[in-house]
Amino acid sequence: MSHNNLTIDHYLRSTWLSVQKMYNEQAAKFNSTMVMGFTLLSIDPKTGTPSTSLGPKMGIEPTSLSRTLKNLEEKGLIIRKKNPEDGRSVLVVLTKDGLEMRNVSKEVVLGFHEAVEEQISKEELNTFFEVLHKINLIAVEEKTFNKKKQIQ
């Protein structure tokens, strides 16, 4: 397989866009989006989840999360309750319909995971995960772009 001088971020971005497109196509069948499904999967189905911990858990911006929660609430998939453990925060809780849609989202994610596992060996997947982990470490390592240029 030739890599044609494409950068790592090209492969990461184009692969993620393909996966995102596939998830959005599945979600559209249920009048939903990938982000809505991802949000439902991030909410504890039994106890709910404090709204303040959802953003960091999902890695999305607060304004984007607020918009998504508003949409989920309008669709009757979540409700917001005062957190009994902390009166200042709000718990996001799944409704019966929200729990059903969460299960649909979970089936889609697991279905994709199984399809990948059927076509890619365990060894290849382990290597893939190790490489992604290392790339992530390089990306978050502050020294990556702060290295002093050596003068020769």
C-alpha atoms as a PDB file:
ATOM      1  CA  MET A   1       0.000   0.000   0.000  1.00  0.00           C
ATOM      2  CA  SER A   2       1.484   3.305  -1.104  1.00  0.00           C
ATOM      3  CA  HIS A   3       1.073   6.276   1.194  1.00  0.00           C
ATOM      4  CA  ASN A   4       1.746   8.934  -1.497  1.00  0.00           C
ATOM      5  CA  ASN A   5       3.380  11.392   0.919  1.00  0.00           C
ATOM      6  CA  LEU A   6       0.067  11.981   2.698  1.00  0.00           C
ATOM      7  CA  THR A   7       0.366  13.175   6.278  1.00  0.00           C
ATOM      8  CA  ILE A   8      -0.832  11.336   9.365  1.00  0.00           C
ATOM      9  CA  ASP A   9      -3.566  13.904   9.886  1.00  0.00           C
ATOM     10  CA  HIS A  10      -4.880  13.240   6.365  1.00  0.00           C
ATOM     11  CA  TYR A  11      -5.431   9.581   7.264  1.00  0.00           C
ATOM     12  CA  LEU A  12      -6.868  10.378  10.682  1.00  0.00           C
ATOM     13  CA  ARG A  13      -9.221  13.053   9.308  1.00  0.00           C
ATOM     14  CA  SER A  14     -10.394  11.169   6.207  1.00  0.00           C
ATOM     15  CA  THR A  15     -10.981   7.968   8.180  1.00  0.00           C
ATOM     16  CA  TRP A  16     -12.879   9.805  10.915  1.00  0.00           C
ATOM     17  CA  LEU A  17     -14.978  11.626   8.292  1.00  0.00           C
ATOM     18  CA  SER A  18     -15.903   8.265   6.712  1.00  0.00           C
ATOM     19  CA  VAL A  19     -16.857   6.828  10.105  1.00  0.00           C
ATOM     20  CA  GLN A  20     -18.787   9.988  10.998  1.00  0.00           C
ATOM     21  CA  LYS A  21     -20.664   9.855   7.673  1.00  0.00           C
ATOM     22  CA  MET A  22     -21.564   6.195   8.259  1.00  0.00           C
ATOM     23  CA  TYR A  23     -22.823   6.945  11.807  1.00  0.00           C
ATOM     24  CA  ASN A  24     -24.820   9.967  10.612  1.00  0.00           C
ATOM     25  CA  GLU A  25     -26.435   7.869   7.867  1.00  0.00           C
ATOM     26  CA  GLN A  26     -27.498   5.306  10.487  1.00  0.00           C
ATOM     27  CA  ALA A  27     -28.672   8.007  12.913  1.00  0.00           C
ATOM     28  CA  ALA A  28     -30.711   9.721  10.166  1.00  0.00           C
ATOM     29  CA  LYS A  29     -32.867   6.580   9.972  1.00  0.00           C
ATOM     30  CA  PHE A  30     -33.997   7.473  13.511  1.00  0.00           C
ATOM     31  CA  ASN A  31     -34.236  11.239  12.917  1.00  0.00           C
ATOM     32  CA  SER A  32     -31.046  11.708  14.915  1.00  0.00           C
ATOM     33  CA  THR A  33     -27.354  12.555  14.452  1.00  0.00           C
ATOM     34  CA  MET A  34     -24.096  10.905  15.429  1.00  0.00           C
ATOM     35  CA  VAL A  35     -23.496  13.585  18.084  1.00  0.00           C
ATOM     36  CA  MET A  36     -26.929  12.939  19.624  1.00  0.00           C
ATOM     37  CA  GLY A  37     -26.235   9.200  19.724  1.00  0.00           C
ATOM     38  CA  PHE A  38     -22.789   9.786  21.202  1.00  0.00           C
ATOM     39  CA  THR A  39     -24.330  12.050  23.851  1.00  0.00           C
ATOM     40  CA  LEU A  40     -26.946   9.442  24.779  1.00  0.00           C
ATOM     41  CA  LEU A  41     -24.168   6.851  25.130  1.00  0.00           C
ATOM     42  CA  SER A  42     -22.268   9.224  27.448  1.00  0.00           C
ATOM     43  CA  ILE A  43     -25.200   9.510  29.886  1.00  0.00           C
ATOM     44  CA  ASP A  44     -25.350   6.929  32.669  1.00  0.00           C
ATOM     45  CA  PRO A  45     -28.546   4.966  31.921  1.00  0.00           C
ATOM     46  CA  LYS A  46     -29.319   4.339  35.615  1.00  0.00           C
ATOM     47  CA  THR A  47     -28.320   7.452  37.512  1.00  0.00           C
ATOM     48  CA  GLY A  48     -27.957  10.135  34.847  1.00  0.00           C
ATOM     49  CA  THR A  49     -24.841  12.249  34.438  1.00  0.00           C
ATOM     50  CA  PRO A  50     -24.024  15.772  35.673  1.00  0.00           C
ATOM     51  CA  SER A  51     -24.155  18.118  32.677  1.00  0.00           C
ATOM     52  CA  THR A  52     -20.785  19.621  33.658  1.00  0.00           C
ATOM     53  CA  SER A  53     -19.014  16.279  33.224  1.00  0.00           C
ATOM     54  CA  LEU A  54     -20.544  15.496  29.802  1.00  0.00           C
ATOM     55  CA  GLY A  55     -18.490  18.019  27.792  1.00  0.00           C
ATOM     56  CA  PRO A  56     -15.084  16.853  29.043  1.00  0.00           C
ATOM     57  CA  LYS A  57     -16.190  13.197  28.835  1.00  0.00           C
ATOM     58  CA  MET A  58     -17.164  13.630  25.179  1.00  0.00           C
ATOM     59  CA  GLY A  59     -14.439  16.102  24.228  1.00  0.00           C
ATOM     60  CA  ILE A  60     -16.827  18.718  22.837  1.00  0.00           C
ATOM     61  CA  GLU A  61     -17.254  22.426  23.452  1.00  0.00           C
ATOM     62  CA  PRO A  62     -19.888  23.630  25.969  1.00  0.00           C
ATOM     63  CA  THR A  63     -21.860  25.574  23.320  1.00  0.00           C
ATOM     64  CA  SER A  64     -22.064  22.515  21.077  1.00  0.00           C
ATOM     65  CA  LEU A  65     -23.098  20.365  24.039  1.00  0.00           C
ATOM     66  CA  SER A  66     -25.779  22.883  25.078  1.00  0.00           C
ATOM     67  CA  ARG A  67     -27.265  22.814  21.579  1.00  0.00           C
ATOM     68  CA  THR A  68     -27.241  18.997  21.537  1.00  0.00           C
ATOM     69  CA  LEU A  69     -28.845  18.748  24.999  1.00  0.00           C
ATOM     70  CA  LYS A  70     -31.528  21.240  23.929  1.00  0.00           C
ATOM     71  CA  ASN A  71     -32.292  19.095  20.851  1.00  0.00           C
ATOM     72  CA  LEU A  72     -32.404  15.901  22.921  1.00  0.00           C
ATOM     73  CA  GLU A  73     -34.717  17.575  25.430  1.00  0.00           C
ATOM     74  CA  GLU A  74     -37.031  18.831  22.654  1.00  0.00           C
ATOM     75  CA  LYS A  75     -37.194  15.281  21.259  1.00  0.00           C
ATOM     76  CA  GLY A  76     -38.159  13.984  24.718  1.00  0.00           C
ATOM     77  CA  LEU A  77     -35.030  11.830  25.036  1.00  0.00           C
ATOM     78  CA  ILE A  78     -33.619  13.503  28.160  1.00  0.00           C
ATOM     79  CA  ILE A  79     -34.786  15.572  31.085  1.00  0.00           C
ATOM     80  CA  ARG A  80     -32.721  17.832  33.320  1.00  0.00           C
ATOM     81  CA  LYS A  81     -33.071  17.481  37.087  1.00  0.00           C
ATOM     82  CA  LYS A  82     -31.432  19.172  40.038  1.00  0.00           C
ATOM     83  CA  ASN A  83     -28.527  17.061  41.183  1.00  0.00           C
ATOM     84  CA  PRO A  84     -29.515  15.720  44.650  1.00  0.00           C
ATOM     85  CA  GLU A  85     -25.821  15.456  45.580  1.00  0.00           C
ATOM     86  CA  ASP A  86     -24.967  19.007  44.481  1.00  0.00           C
ATOM     87  CA  GLY A  87     -27.766  21.578  44.300  1.00  0.00           C
ATOM     88  CA  ARG A  88     -25.705  23.820  42.013  1.00  0.00           C
ATOM     89  CA  SER A  89     -25.433  21.291  39.199  1.00  0.00           C
ATOM     90  CA  VAL A  90     -27.921  19.642  36.862  1.00  0.00           C
ATOM     91  CA  LEU A  91     -28.270  15.936  36.175  1.00  0.00           C
ATOM     92  CA  VAL A  92     -29.041  14.883  32.615  1.00  0.00           C
ATOM     93  CA  VAL A  93     -31.308  11.846  32.808  1.00  0.00           C
ATOM     94  CA  LEU A  94     -32.552   9.607  29.997  1.00  0.00           C
ATOM     95  CA  THR A  95     -36.307   9.251  29.492  1.00  0.00           C
ATOM     96  CA  LYS A  96     -37.823   5.901  28.460  1.00  0.00           C
ATOM     97  CA  ASP A  97     -37.524   6.993  24.793  1.00  0.00           C
ATOM     98  CA  GLY A  98     -33.984   8.216  25.461  1.00  0.00           C
ATOM     99  CA  LEU A  99     -33.023   4.845  26.886  1.00  0.00           C
ATOM    100  CA  GLU A 100     -34.450   3.106  23.812  1.00  0.00           C
ATOM    101  CA  MET A 101     -32.547   5.446  21.484  1.00  0.00           C
ATOM    102  CA  ARG A 102     -29.385   4.922  23.572  1.00  0.00           C
ATOM    103  CA  ASN A 103     -29.764   1.174  23.022  1.00  0.00           C
ATOM    104  CA  VAL A 104     -30.125   1.741  19.259  1.00  0.00           C
ATOM    105  CA  SER A 105     -26.940   3.862  19.307  1.00  0.00           C
ATOM    106  CA  LYS A 106     -25.138   1.168  21.265  1.00  0.00           C
ATOM    107  CA  GLU A 107     -26.190  -1.496  18.736  1.00  0.00           C
ATOM    108  CA  VAL A 108     -24.876   0.633  15.850  1.00  0.00           C
ATOM    109  CA  VAL A 109     -21.516   1.217  17.566  1.00  0.00           C
ATOM    110  CA  LEU A 110     -21.150  -2.459  18.493  1.00  0.00           C
ATOM    111  CA  GLY A 111     -22.196  -3.492  14.963  1.00  0.00           C
ATOM    112  CA  PHE A 112     -19.441  -1.367  13.448  1.00  0.00           C
ATOM    113  CA  HIS A 113     -16.941  -2.680  16.007  1.00  0.00           C
ATOM    114  CA  GLU A 114     -17.852  -6.279  15.107  1.00  0.00           C
ATOM    115  CA  ALA A 115     -17.568  -5.535  11.359  1.00  0.00           C
ATOM    116  CA  VAL A 116     -14.062  -4.157  11.933  1.00  0.00           C
ATOM    117  CA  GLU A 117     -13.077  -7.160  14.074  1.00  0.00           C
ATOM    118  CA  GLU A 118     -14.302  -9.549  11.334  1.00  0.00           C
ATOM    119  CA  GLN A 119     -11.999  -7.979   8.758  1.00  0.00           C
ATOM    120  CA  ILE A 120      -8.959  -6.941  10.778  1.00  0.00           C
ATOM    121  CA  SER A 121      -6.914  -9.345  12.884  1.00  0.00           C
ATOM    122  CA  LYS A 122      -6.523  -8.904  16.634  1.00  0.00           C
ATOM    123  CA  GLU A 123      -2.801  -8.307  16.149  1.00  0.00           C
ATOM    124  CA  GLU A 124      -3.409  -5.561  13.571  1.00  0.00           C
ATOM    125  CA  LEU A 125      -6.010  -3.918  15.821  1.00  0.00           C
ATOM    126  CA  ASN A 126      -3.659  -4.054  18.819  1.00  0.00           C
ATOM    127  CA  THR A 127      -0.916  -2.427  16.726  1.00  0.00           C
ATOM    128  CA  PHE A 128      -3.418   0.183  15.469  1.00  0.00           C
ATOM    129  CA  PHE A 129      -4.474   1.064  19.031  1.00  0.00           C
ATOM    130  CA  GLU A 130      -0.839   1.234  20.204  1.00  0.00           C
ATOM    131  CA  VAL A 131       0.074   3.562  17.326  1.00  0.00           C
ATOM    132  CA  LEU A 132      -2.984   5.788  17.921  1.00  0.00           C
ATOM    133  CA  HIS A 133      -2.080   5.967  21.617  1.00  0.00           C
ATOM    134  CA  LYS A 134       1.471   7.050  20.743  1.00  0.00           C
ATOM    135  CA  ILE A 135       0.220   9.638  18.217  1.00  0.00           C
ATOM    136  CA  ASN A 136      -2.126  11.004  20.887  1.00  0.00           C
ATOM    137  CA  LEU A 137       0.758  11.295  23.364  1.00  0.00           C
ATOM    138  CA  ILE A 138       2.876  13.139  20.781  1.00  0.00           C
ATOM    139  CA  ALA A 139      -0.036  15.513  20.073  1.00  0.00           C
ATOM    140  CA  VAL A 140      -0.603  16.382  23.734  1.00  0.00           C
ATOM    141  CA  GLU A 141       3.075  16.535  24.624  1.00  0.00           C
ATOM    142  CA  GLU A 142       3.878  20.219  24.950  1.00  0.00           C
ATOM    143  CA  LYS A 143       7.489  19.683  23.945  1.00  0.00           C
ATOM    144  CA  THR A 144       6.588  18.614  20.383  1.00  0.00           C
ATOM    145  CA  PHE A 145       6.705  22.141  18.957  1.00  0.00           C
ATOM    146  CA  ASN A 146       8.706  23.843  21.715  1.00  0.00           C
ATOM    147  CA  LYS A 147      11.971  22.052  21.041  1.00  0.00           C
ATOM    148  CA  LYS A 148      14.815  24.527  20.724  1.00  0.00           C
ATOM    149  CA  LYS A 149      16.281  24.501  17.260  1.00  0.00           C
ATOM    150  CA  GLN A 150      19.867  23.425  17.388  1.00  0.00           C
ATOM    151  CA  ILE A 151      22.282  25.746  15.636  1.00  0.00           C
ATOM    152  CA  GLN A 152      24.946  23.876  13.738  1.00  0.00           C
END
